[in-house]
Every structure is written in C-alpha cells, then in structure tokens.
Amino acid sequence: MKIGILAAGRPPSALIPEFGDYPSMFRSLLAAGGHDWATYDVQAGGYPGALAECEAYIVTGSSSGVYDPDPWIGELRGFLRAARGQVPLVGVCFGHQIIADAFGGVVIKSPKGWGIGLHHHALRQGAAWLDDVPDYALAASHQDQVVEAPPGATVLAGSDFCPFGMLDYAGDRAMSLQLHPEFDPGYAGALIEGRRGVRFPEAQADAAIDSLKAPNDNARVARWIEAFLARA
C-alpha cells in the first residue's frame, strides 16, 4: 500500500538528528507492512496532485491548534473533507483533532492542562480491526482535546482525562487517536525534558518521565492501524 503522510508539524529541531521527524517515526512504526511512502509538507502547502496518488493518508501531530487561523490549517481541513469516505484516513494527536474538526466535531484547548508521559486509555467499543484487550498505554503530549465527536462517529477509547481518545468515523473510512504510537520512550522523554518548567512544572515532568519506564503498546496499536488500513 502507498501511504501519504500529511506532515502537519516537526519535532524540536534539536531532537531531529537523534529521533528523526514525524514521517520517519510513522515509517518505522509501520515498517512491518512493507508500504511505499510519500510525504507532503502541508504547512508549506504540499499536497498530492490527486487524491488517488496514495491509497491512504496519515495526518501527523503538530504544535498548532485546529482553531488557529493559519491558512494551511483551513486548507488541510478542506483536503480532509474532500477525502472523506474516498480513501482511508488515520490521524494522530493534531491529526486526530483536525479529522474530528473537519467532520463536524469540536476541539478546544482543554482547561485540564497538559497530558504528558505514558497514558492509559480504556477501550469502550469494539471494532473489527481492534483486539479484545481492555486498554492500551501510549505516550501523551497534548493540551488540546476533542470534546465533542462528529455526528455518526463512535468513541472507541478514552480516559477520565481525555474521554474522546480514539474515534471511528463509521462509513467515512477514517480512524483517529489522541495518543502517540509513533513516539518511542526516548523521544517522549526528550520532548518533556525540553519543555519542563516552561509548559508544565518540574514535578509533572518528573512524574511523566518516570511513567515512560513502564511497558507501552506502540507495537500493538501499529497492528490496529495496519488492520484498519487493510479493511477500510
């Protein structure tokens, strides 16, 4: 399968030499699938010449908010609406939020503050591409949240902190999740270290770093994404 990565942001420049950029993280996450890849820098207006250029698209994370007035965000929203139901779509973090927003959901900067470290989300509904283990653990790095799902979407998973943690968009051939299966613990920890005392207090950073020592479900969620793409 040829997958197009809609790169909506970049990691901090100091971390790229060691950990790579978001497209390389997704290529590593889904390496077992043997896919072909194309990358589009949507912040710079990069898009496929035709939707059929790729068989599926993944929308990455970003430091931007879907409610920001930047023209590229509106352009991405329009692309997703045009792609809706036509080709499989997967969104992670900002990608989760912009797909939900484009399809009629609501996203805000949450008053709950930042979610960082390893977070657990409970599965609340089944889907043909999911397994039956009741929860999963992945790195979190977000303050924005989906707070209202689009009409017709199913909430598959979430937590008290982030109730709309994973969505299935019924016949629209799309799924999205807030947490980061593409972040390995080293990158998630380095990201926290670079922001401690600035975006969140030292104690929260310490607890988040410690949480990343526990096992994660990156490989398991990668299998879900592969199963979704195979069925969508």
C-alpha atoms as a PDB file:
ATOM      1  CA  MET A   1       0.000   0.000   0.000  1.00  0.00           C
ATOM      2  CA  LYS A   2       1.215   3.506  -0.789  1.00  0.00           C
ATOM      3  CA  ILE A   3       0.613   5.758   2.215  1.00  0.00           C
ATOM      4  CA  GLY A   4       0.818   9.535   2.103  1.00  0.00           C
ATOM      5  CA  ILE A   5       1.980  11.248   5.272  1.00  0.00           C
ATOM      6  CA  LEU A   6       0.434  14.688   5.726  1.00  0.00           C
ATOM      7  CA  ALA A   7       3.173  16.247   7.847  1.00  0.00           C
ATOM      8  CA  ALA A   8       1.472  18.940   9.922  1.00  0.00           C
ATOM      9  CA  GLY A   9       4.453  19.757  12.129  1.00  0.00           C
ATOM     10  CA  ARG A  10       8.015  18.951  13.091  1.00  0.00           C
ATOM     11  CA  PRO A  11       9.730  17.858  16.306  1.00  0.00           C
ATOM     12  CA  PRO A  12      12.006  20.408  18.005  1.00  0.00           C
ATOM     13  CA  SER A  13      14.993  20.838  15.692  1.00  0.00           C
ATOM     14  CA  ALA A  14      17.468  19.731  18.372  1.00  0.00           C
ATOM     15  CA  LEU A  15      15.787  16.315  18.577  1.00  0.00           C
ATOM     16  CA  ILE A  16      15.588  15.521  14.863  1.00  0.00           C
ATOM     17  CA  PRO A  17      19.190  14.281  14.410  1.00  0.00           C
ATOM     18  CA  GLU A  18      18.673  11.568  17.030  1.00  0.00           C
ATOM     19  CA  PHE A  19      14.992  10.723  16.659  1.00  0.00           C
ATOM     20  CA  GLY A  20      14.040  11.795  13.130  1.00  0.00           C
ATOM     21  CA  ASP A  21      10.973  13.715  12.005  1.00  0.00           C
ATOM     22  CA  TYR A  22       7.330  12.664  12.258  1.00  0.00           C
ATOM     23  CA  PRO A  23       7.199  10.950   8.834  1.00  0.00           C
ATOM     24  CA  SER A  24      10.230   8.823   9.708  1.00  0.00           C
ATOM     25  CA  MET A  25       8.603   7.864  13.023  1.00  0.00           C
ATOM     26  CA  PHE A  26       5.499   6.615  11.210  1.00  0.00           C
ATOM     27  CA  ARG A  27       7.561   4.757   8.630  1.00  0.00           C
ATOM     28  CA  SER A  28       9.333   2.964  11.489  1.00  0.00           C
ATOM     29  CA  LEU A  29       6.074   2.282  13.333  1.00  0.00           C
ATOM     30  CA  LEU A  30       4.503   0.627  10.271  1.00  0.00           C
ATOM     31  CA  ALA A  31       7.673  -0.859   8.791  1.00  0.00           C
ATOM     32  CA  ALA A  32       6.343  -4.416   9.034  1.00  0.00           C
ATOM     33  CA  GLY A  33       3.655  -3.576   6.473  1.00  0.00           C
ATOM     34  CA  GLY A  34       6.168  -3.103   3.662  1.00  0.00           C
ATOM     35  CA  HIS A  35       4.421   0.056   2.460  1.00  0.00           C
ATOM     36  CA  ASP A  36       5.505   2.610  -0.080  1.00  0.00           C
ATOM     37  CA  TRP A  37       5.528   6.157   1.244  1.00  0.00           C
ATOM     38  CA  ALA A  38       5.080   9.756   0.159  1.00  0.00           C
ATOM     39  CA  THR A  39       5.400  12.799   2.413  1.00  0.00           C
ATOM     40  CA  TYR A  40       3.562  16.092   1.985  1.00  0.00           C
ATOM     41  CA  ASP A  41       4.521  19.186   3.975  1.00  0.00           C
ATOM     42  CA  VAL A  42       1.029  20.562   4.450  1.00  0.00           C
ATOM     43  CA  GLN A  43       2.269  23.550   6.473  1.00  0.00           C
ATOM     44  CA  ALA A  44       4.060  24.631   3.301  1.00  0.00           C
ATOM     45  CA  GLY A  45       1.068  23.864   1.076  1.00  0.00           C
ATOM     46  CA  GLY A  46       2.326  20.482  -0.109  1.00  0.00           C
ATOM     47  CA  TYR A  47      -0.428  18.093  -1.226  1.00  0.00           C
ATOM     48  CA  PRO A  48      -0.802  15.248  -3.712  1.00  0.00           C
ATOM     49  CA  GLY A  49      -1.710  16.255  -7.223  1.00  0.00           C
ATOM     50  CA  ALA A  50      -4.684  13.895  -6.995  1.00  0.00           C
ATOM     51  CA  LEU A  51      -6.249  12.047  -4.081  1.00  0.00           C
ATOM     52  CA  ALA A  52      -5.548   8.732  -5.827  1.00  0.00           C
ATOM     53  CA  GLU A  53      -1.810   9.433  -5.666  1.00  0.00           C
ATOM     54  CA  CYS A  54      -1.836   7.413  -2.415  1.00  0.00           C
ATOM     55  CA  GLU A  55      -4.038   4.598  -1.186  1.00  0.00           C
ATOM     56  CA  ALA A  56      -4.296   6.012   2.357  1.00  0.00           C
ATOM     57  CA  TYR A  57      -3.205   9.098   4.320  1.00  0.00           C
ATOM     58  CA  ILE A  58      -1.874   9.655   7.839  1.00  0.00           C
ATOM     59  CA  VAL A  59      -2.086  13.088   9.486  1.00  0.00           C
ATOM     60  CA  THR A  60       0.704  13.733  11.998  1.00  0.00           C
ATOM     61  CA  GLY A  61       0.954  15.765  15.151  1.00  0.00           C
ATOM     62  CA  SER A  62       1.644  19.498  15.226  1.00  0.00           C
ATOM     63  CA  SER A  63       2.340  22.279  17.706  1.00  0.00           C
ATOM     64  CA  SER A  64      -0.564  24.200  16.142  1.00  0.00           C
ATOM     65  CA  GLY A  65      -4.200  24.075  17.201  1.00  0.00           C
ATOM     66  CA  VAL A  66      -7.027  23.286  14.816  1.00  0.00           C
ATOM     67  CA  TYR A  67      -8.706  26.531  15.898  1.00  0.00           C
ATOM     68  CA  ASP A  68      -5.679  28.642  14.861  1.00  0.00           C
ATOM     69  CA  PRO A  69      -6.331  30.998  11.929  1.00  0.00           C
ATOM     70  CA  ASP A  70      -3.310  29.895   9.875  1.00  0.00           C
ATOM     71  CA  PRO A  71      -4.351  29.395   6.235  1.00  0.00           C
ATOM     72  CA  TRP A  72      -2.669  25.980   5.982  1.00  0.00           C
ATOM     73  CA  ILE A  73      -4.998  24.607   8.685  1.00  0.00           C
ATOM     74  CA  GLY A  74      -8.055  25.605   6.678  1.00  0.00           C
ATOM     75  CA  GLU A  75      -6.500  24.060   3.566  1.00  0.00           C
ATOM     76  CA  LEU A  76      -5.864  20.792   5.414  1.00  0.00           C
ATOM     77  CA  ARG A  77      -9.421  20.805   6.740  1.00  0.00           C
ATOM     78  CA  GLY A  78     -10.680  21.169   3.165  1.00  0.00           C
ATOM     79  CA  PHE A  79      -8.474  18.320   1.940  1.00  0.00           C
ATOM     80  CA  LEU A  80      -9.809  16.012   4.642  1.00  0.00           C
ATOM     81  CA  ARG A  81     -13.403  16.874   3.841  1.00  0.00           C
ATOM     82  CA  ALA A  82     -12.764  16.109   0.170  1.00  0.00           C
ATOM     83  CA  ALA A  83     -11.054  12.819   1.099  1.00  0.00           C
ATOM     84  CA  ARG A  84     -13.829  11.775   3.487  1.00  0.00           C
ATOM     85  CA  GLY A  85     -15.135   8.357   2.518  1.00  0.00           C
ATOM     86  CA  GLN A  86     -12.909   8.251  -0.569  1.00  0.00           C
ATOM     87  CA  VAL A  87      -9.669   6.925   0.906  1.00  0.00           C
ATOM     88  CA  PRO A  88      -8.594   5.594   4.335  1.00  0.00           C
ATOM     89  CA  LEU A  89      -7.514   8.312   6.782  1.00  0.00           C
ATOM     90  CA  VAL A  90      -5.608   7.943  10.049  1.00  0.00           C
ATOM     91  CA  GLY A  91      -4.991  10.855  12.431  1.00  0.00           C
ATOM     92  CA  VAL A  92      -2.720  11.019  15.475  1.00  0.00           C
ATOM     93  CA  CYS A  93      -2.790  13.840  18.092  1.00  0.00           C
ATOM     94  CA  PHE A  94      -3.262  17.003  15.999  1.00  0.00           C
ATOM     95  CA  GLY A  95      -4.264  14.621  13.196  1.00  0.00           C
ATOM     96  CA  HIS A  96      -6.955  13.174  15.464  1.00  0.00           C
ATOM     97  CA  GLN A  97      -8.182  16.651  16.285  1.00  0.00           C
ATOM     98  CA  ILE A  98      -8.223  18.016  12.721  1.00  0.00           C
ATOM     99  CA  ILE A  99     -10.099  14.990  11.344  1.00  0.00           C
ATOM    100  CA  ALA A 100     -12.687  15.310  14.122  1.00  0.00           C
ATOM    101  CA  ASP A 101     -12.942  19.053  13.488  1.00  0.00           C
ATOM    102  CA  ALA A 102     -13.217  18.663   9.709  1.00  0.00           C
ATOM    103  CA  PHE A 103     -16.008  16.114  10.084  1.00  0.00           C
ATOM    104  CA  GLY A 104     -18.070  18.236  12.487  1.00  0.00           C
ATOM    105  CA  GLY A 105     -16.627  17.644  15.956  1.00  0.00           C
ATOM    106  CA  VAL A 106     -15.388  20.183  18.495  1.00  0.00           C
ATOM    107  CA  VAL A 107     -11.790  20.699  19.656  1.00  0.00           C
ATOM    108  CA  ILE A 108     -10.611  23.054  22.404  1.00  0.00           C
ATOM    109  CA  LYS A 109      -7.546  23.886  24.445  1.00  0.00           C
ATOM    110  CA  SER A 110      -8.510  21.868  27.479  1.00  0.00           C
ATOM    111  CA  PRO A 111      -8.721  23.520  30.910  1.00  0.00           C
ATOM    112  CA  LYS A 112      -7.385  20.212  32.262  1.00  0.00           C
ATOM    113  CA  GLY A 113      -3.934  21.263  31.071  1.00  0.00           C
ATOM    114  CA  TRP A 114      -1.163  19.179  29.557  1.00  0.00           C
ATOM    115  CA  GLY A 115      -1.210  15.422  29.226  1.00  0.00           C
ATOM    116  CA  ILE A 116       2.362  14.072  29.179  1.00  0.00           C
ATOM    117  CA  GLY A 117       4.075  10.782  29.917  1.00  0.00           C
ATOM    118  CA  LEU A 118       2.549   7.337  29.467  1.00  0.00           C
ATOM    119  CA  HIS A 119      -1.259   7.453  29.482  1.00  0.00           C
ATOM    120  CA  HIS A 120      -3.717   4.558  29.593  1.00  0.00           C
ATOM    121  CA  HIS A 121      -6.920   4.632  27.560  1.00  0.00           C
ATOM    122  CA  ALA A 122      -9.712   2.108  28.086  1.00  0.00           C
ATOM    123  CA  LEU A 123     -11.444   0.526  25.099  1.00  0.00           C
ATOM    124  CA  ARG A 124     -15.155   1.302  25.272  1.00  0.00           C
ATOM    125  CA  GLN A 125     -16.400  -0.099  21.966  1.00  0.00           C
ATOM    126  CA  GLY A 126     -15.178  -2.833  19.663  1.00  0.00           C
ATOM    127  CA  ALA A 127     -14.216  -2.604  16.006  1.00  0.00           C
ATOM    128  CA  ALA A 128     -13.286  -5.304  13.512  1.00  0.00           C
ATOM    129  CA  TRP A 129      -9.659  -4.124  13.451  1.00  0.00           C
ATOM    130  CA  LEU A 130      -9.205  -3.999  17.251  1.00  0.00           C
ATOM    131  CA  ASP A 131      -8.263  -6.823  19.607  1.00  0.00           C
ATOM    132  CA  ASP A 132     -10.112  -7.530  22.845  1.00  0.00           C
ATOM    133  CA  VAL A 133      -7.529  -6.366  25.409  1.00  0.00           C
ATOM    134  CA  PRO A 134      -9.389  -3.774  27.519  1.00  0.00           C
ATOM    135  CA  ASP A 135      -6.899  -0.889  27.494  1.00  0.00           C
ATOM    136  CA  TYR A 136      -3.666   0.395  25.976  1.00  0.00           C
ATOM    137  CA  ALA A 137      -0.776   2.634  27.026  1.00  0.00           C
ATOM    138  CA  LEU A 138       0.946   5.174  24.780  1.00  0.00           C
ATOM    139  CA  ALA A 139       2.865   8.408  25.162  1.00  0.00           C
ATOM    140  CA  ALA A 140       0.791  11.570  25.517  1.00  0.00           C
ATOM    141  CA  SER A 141       1.837  15.075  24.550  1.00  0.00           C
ATOM    142  CA  HIS A 142      -1.149  17.370  24.234  1.00  0.00           C
ATOM    143  CA  GLN A 143      -3.239  20.086  25.772  1.00  0.00           C
ATOM    144  CA  ASP A 144      -5.872  20.360  23.044  1.00  0.00           C
ATOM    145  CA  GLN A 145      -8.633  17.757  23.070  1.00  0.00           C
ATOM    146  CA  VAL A 146     -11.650  16.634  21.103  1.00  0.00           C
ATOM    147  CA  VAL A 147     -14.602  17.399  23.385  1.00  0.00           C
ATOM    148  CA  GLU A 148     -17.443  16.544  21.012  1.00  0.00           C
ATOM    149  CA  ALA A 149     -17.310  13.758  18.447  1.00  0.00           C
ATOM    150  CA  PRO A 150     -18.591  14.365  14.912  1.00  0.00           C
ATOM    151  CA  PRO A 151     -22.110  13.159  14.101  1.00  0.00           C
ATOM    152  CA  GLY A 152     -22.052   9.429  13.454  1.00  0.00           C
ATOM    153  CA  ALA A 153     -18.582   8.860  14.921  1.00  0.00           C
ATOM    154  CA  THR A 154     -18.047   6.187  17.584  1.00  0.00           C
ATOM    155  CA  VAL A 155     -15.868   6.784  20.638  1.00  0.00           C
ATOM    156  CA  LEU A 156     -13.726   3.662  20.801  1.00  0.00           C
ATOM    157  CA  ALA A 157     -11.487   4.577  23.732  1.00  0.00           C
ATOM    158  CA  GLY A 158     -10.559   7.257  26.228  1.00  0.00           C
ATOM    159  CA  SER A 159      -9.852   8.117  29.847  1.00  0.00           C
ATOM    160  CA  ASP A 160     -11.162  10.460  32.503  1.00  0.00           C
ATOM    161  CA  PHE A 161      -8.535  12.984  31.392  1.00  0.00           C
ATOM    162  CA  CYS A 162      -9.240  12.503  27.676  1.00  0.00           C
ATOM    163  CA  PRO A 163     -12.695  10.970  27.113  1.00  0.00           C
ATOM    164  CA  PHE A 164     -12.567  11.168  23.304  1.00  0.00           C
ATOM    165  CA  GLY A 165      -9.280   9.305  22.962  1.00  0.00           C
ATOM    166  CA  MET A 166      -9.960   7.265  19.825  1.00  0.00           C
ATOM    167  CA  LEU A 167     -12.683   7.673  17.225  1.00  0.00           C
ATOM    168  CA  ASP A 168     -14.055   5.520  14.425  1.00  0.00           C
ATOM    169  CA  TYR A 169     -15.815   7.501  11.712  1.00  0.00           C
ATOM    170  CA  ALA A 170     -18.257   4.803  10.579  1.00  0.00           C
ATOM    171  CA  GLY A 171     -18.587   4.788   6.790  1.00  0.00           C
ATOM    172  CA  ASP A 172     -16.117   7.625   6.302  1.00  0.00           C
ATOM    173  CA  ARG A 173     -13.104   5.250   6.138  1.00  0.00           C
ATOM    174  CA  ALA A 174     -11.293   7.082   8.951  1.00  0.00           C
ATOM    175  CA  MET A 175      -9.981   6.477  12.454  1.00  0.00           C
ATOM    176  CA  SER A 176      -8.002   8.709  14.781  1.00  0.00           C
ATOM    177  CA  LEU A 177      -6.406   8.646  18.205  1.00  0.00           C
ATOM    178  CA  GLN A 178      -5.041  11.241  20.596  1.00  0.00           C
ATOM    179  CA  LEU A 179      -2.038   9.336  21.957  1.00  0.00           C
ATOM    180  CA  HIS A 180       1.233   8.706  20.099  1.00  0.00           C
ATOM    181  CA  PRO A 181       2.083   5.158  18.957  1.00  0.00           C
ATOM    182  CA  GLU A 182       4.923   6.627  16.863  1.00  0.00           C
ATOM    183  CA  PHE A 183       6.752   8.124  19.884  1.00  0.00           C
ATOM    184  CA  ASP A 184       9.333   5.826  21.430  1.00  0.00           C
ATOM    185  CA  PRO A 185      10.076   6.406  25.140  1.00  0.00           C
ATOM    186  CA  GLY A 186      13.388   8.106  24.371  1.00  0.00           C
ATOM    187  CA  TYR A 187      11.779  10.732  22.170  1.00  0.00           C
ATOM    188  CA  ALA A 188       8.803  11.229  24.510  1.00  0.00           C
ATOM    189  CA  GLY A 189      11.206  11.762  27.403  1.00  0.00           C
ATOM    190  CA  ALA A 190      13.447  14.156  25.479  1.00  0.00           C
ATOM    191  CA  LEU A 191      10.390  16.185  24.475  1.00  0.00           C
ATOM    192  CA  ILE A 192       9.344  16.511  28.112  1.00  0.00           C
ATOM    193  CA  GLU A 193      12.855  17.478  29.212  1.00  0.00           C
ATOM    194  CA  GLY A 194      12.925  20.280  26.671  1.00  0.00           C
ATOM    195  CA  ARG A 195       9.664  21.711  27.976  1.00  0.00           C
ATOM    196  CA  ARG A 196       9.956  21.189  31.748  1.00  0.00           C
ATOM    197  CA  GLY A 197       9.481  24.366  33.714  1.00  0.00           C
ATOM    198  CA  VAL A 198       8.117  26.113  30.614  1.00  0.00           C
ATOM    199  CA  ARG A 199       4.936  24.329  29.532  1.00  0.00           C
ATOM    200  CA  PHE A 200       4.492  22.302  32.701  1.00  0.00           C
ATOM    201  CA  PRO A 201       6.013  22.263  36.197  1.00  0.00           C
ATOM    202  CA  GLU A 202       9.037  20.245  37.280  1.00  0.00           C
ATOM    203  CA  ALA A 203       7.004  17.805  39.388  1.00  0.00           C
ATOM    204  CA  GLN A 204       4.699  16.950  36.493  1.00  0.00           C
ATOM    205  CA  ALA A 205       7.713  16.467  34.224  1.00  0.00           C
ATOM    206  CA  ASP A 206       9.375  14.167  36.756  1.00  0.00           C
ATOM    207  CA  ALA A 207       6.258  12.004  37.109  1.00  0.00           C
ATOM    208  CA  ALA A 208       5.800  11.837  33.338  1.00  0.00           C
ATOM    209  CA  ILE A 209       9.422  10.796  32.749  1.00  0.00           C
ATOM    210  CA  ASP A 210       9.075   8.082  35.376  1.00  0.00           C
ATOM    211  CA  SER A 211       5.865   6.785  33.768  1.00  0.00           C
ATOM    212  CA  LEU A 212       7.675   6.181  30.473  1.00  0.00           C
ATOM    213  CA  LYS A 213       9.668   3.359  32.099  1.00  0.00           C
ATOM    214  CA  ALA A 214       6.549   1.163  32.034  1.00  0.00           C
ATOM    215  CA  PRO A 215       5.712  -1.030  29.005  1.00  0.00           C
ATOM    216  CA  ASN A 216       3.905   0.652  26.130  1.00  0.00           C
ATOM    217  CA  ASP A 217       1.567  -0.615  23.420  1.00  0.00           C
ATOM    218  CA  ASN A 218       3.220   1.017  20.396  1.00  0.00           C
ATOM    219  CA  ALA A 219       3.554  -2.275  18.504  1.00  0.00           C
ATOM    220  CA  ARG A 220       0.037  -3.339  19.367  1.00  0.00           C
ATOM    221  CA  VAL A 221      -1.506  -0.101  18.157  1.00  0.00           C
ATOM    222  CA  ALA A 222       0.610  -0.323  14.996  1.00  0.00           C
ATOM    223  CA  ARG A 223      -1.125  -3.639  14.326  1.00  0.00           C
ATOM    224  CA  TRP A 224      -4.502  -1.949  14.810  1.00  0.00           C
ATOM    225  CA  ILE A 225      -3.604   0.711  12.273  1.00  0.00           C
ATOM    226  CA  GLU A 226      -2.454  -1.951   9.798  1.00  0.00           C
ATOM    227  CA  ALA A 227      -5.676  -3.908  10.335  1.00  0.00           C
ATOM    228  CA  PHE A 228      -7.748  -0.766   9.872  1.00  0.00           C
ATOM    229  CA  LEU A 229      -5.959   0.098   6.627  1.00  0.00           C
ATOM    230  CA  ALA A 230      -6.437  -3.434   5.331  1.00  0.00           C
ATOM    231  CA  ARG A 231     -10.195  -3.243   5.936  1.00  0.00           C
ATOM    232  CA  ALA A 232     -11.019   0.399   5.177  1.00  0.00           C
END
